[in-house]
Amino acid sequence: MSDSNAPEHLDAKHERNREHRIEGIKRWVEYIKSEPPETWGPQQNAVVNDQLDAAQSVQTSATHQQHVKDVAAEIREASDKPDGDSE
């Protein structure tokens, strides 16, 4: 038996995973449009905090941890700006 179709199978799996992620993002966008930030904000913070905890538990490097913190700070800065503002 040959594995000649293994790359196509893996590519199809990756595409399905990508589509599922996109659908999840679309559902989240609809949710945050329909609910006040007081509802979804703590939920989003919990997810991000859990992801940071998970990253720390796999003993990521200090450089990577700093990169994550820098990206988070950039996101916070961008979210604090009024709509339409750019640097």
Protein backbone atom coordinates (compact mmCIF):
# COMPACT_ATOMS: atom_id res chain seq x y z
CA MET A 1 0.00 0.00 0.00
CA SER A 2 1.37 3.37 -1.00
CA ASP A 3 1.24 6.68 0.86
CA SER A 4 1.28 8.63 -2.39
CA ASN A 5 -1.94 10.42 -1.42
CA ALA A 6 -0.71 11.30 2.10
CA PRO A 7 0.32 14.88 1.20
CA GLU A 8 -3.09 15.54 -0.40
CA HIS A 9 -4.82 14.06 2.64
CA LEU A 10 -2.77 16.27 4.96
CA ASP A 11 -3.43 19.35 2.79
CA ALA A 12 -7.17 18.62 2.88
CA LYS A 13 -7.04 18.23 6.66
CA HIS A 14 -5.21 21.54 7.01
CA GLU A 15 -7.77 23.25 4.78
CA ARG A 16 -10.65 21.84 6.86
CA ASN A 17 -8.95 23.03 10.04
CA ARG A 18 -8.47 26.47 8.50
CA GLU A 19 -12.12 26.62 7.49
CA HIS A 20 -13.20 25.64 11.01
CA ARG A 21 -11.02 28.38 12.50
CA ILE A 22 -12.47 30.96 10.11
CA GLU A 23 -16.02 29.88 10.99
CA GLY A 24 -15.18 30.15 14.69
CA ILE A 25 -13.84 33.66 14.16
CA LYS A 26 -16.98 34.64 12.28
CA ARG A 27 -19.14 33.31 15.13
CA TRP A 28 -17.06 35.26 17.64
CA VAL A 29 -17.41 38.47 15.61
CA GLU A 30 -21.18 38.05 15.49
CA TYR A 31 -21.22 37.39 19.24
CA ILE A 32 -19.21 40.49 20.13
CA LYS A 33 -21.41 42.58 17.85
CA SER A 34 -24.52 41.35 19.65
CA GLU A 35 -23.24 41.52 23.24
CA PRO A 36 -21.79 44.38 25.29
CA PRO A 37 -18.04 44.38 26.03
CA GLU A 38 -18.86 43.78 29.69
CA THR A 39 -20.11 40.34 28.67
CA TRP A 40 -17.52 39.17 26.16
CA GLY A 41 -14.49 41.07 27.47
CA PRO A 42 -13.90 38.86 30.52
CA GLN A 43 -14.46 35.79 28.35
CA GLN A 44 -11.85 36.94 25.87
CA ASN A 45 -9.43 37.80 28.67
CA ALA A 46 -9.89 34.33 30.14
CA VAL A 47 -9.04 32.69 26.81
CA VAL A 48 -5.95 34.84 26.31
CA ASN A 49 -4.79 34.28 29.88
CA ASP A 50 -5.24 30.52 29.48
CA GLN A 51 -3.21 30.60 26.27
CA LEU A 52 -0.44 32.54 28.01
CA ASP A 53 -0.48 30.07 30.92
CA ALA A 54 -0.27 27.16 28.48
CA ALA A 55 2.65 28.78 26.66
CA GLN A 56 4.46 29.31 29.95
CA SER A 57 3.87 25.72 31.02
CA VAL A 58 5.75 24.44 27.97
CA GLN A 59 8.75 26.45 29.06
CA THR A 60 8.98 28.88 26.16
CA SER A 61 12.08 31.00 25.95
CA ALA A 62 12.28 34.39 27.61
CA THR A 63 12.65 35.94 24.15
CA HIS A 64 9.40 34.36 22.97
CA GLN A 65 7.58 35.36 26.14
CA GLN A 66 8.76 38.95 25.66
CA HIS A 67 7.55 38.85 22.06
CA VAL A 68 4.10 37.73 23.23
CA LYS A 69 4.02 40.55 25.78
CA ASP A 70 5.08 43.07 23.13
CA VAL A 71 2.37 41.92 20.74
CA ALA A 72 -0.22 42.09 23.52
CA ALA A 73 0.90 45.65 24.33
CA GLU A 74 0.57 46.62 20.66
CA ILE A 75 -2.93 45.17 20.55
CA ARG A 76 -3.89 47.07 23.70
CA GLU A 77 -2.50 50.30 22.24
CA ALA A 78 -4.41 49.80 18.99
CA SER A 79 -7.63 49.04 20.84
CA ASP A 80 -7.26 52.20 22.94
CA LYS A 81 -7.16 54.43 19.85
CA PRO A 82 -10.41 55.87 18.48
CA ASP A 83 -11.63 54.25 15.25
CA GLY A 84 -9.86 55.52 12.17
CA ASP A 85 -6.73 56.73 13.96
CA SER A 86 -3.42 55.51 12.62
CA GLU A 87 0.17 56.26 13.43
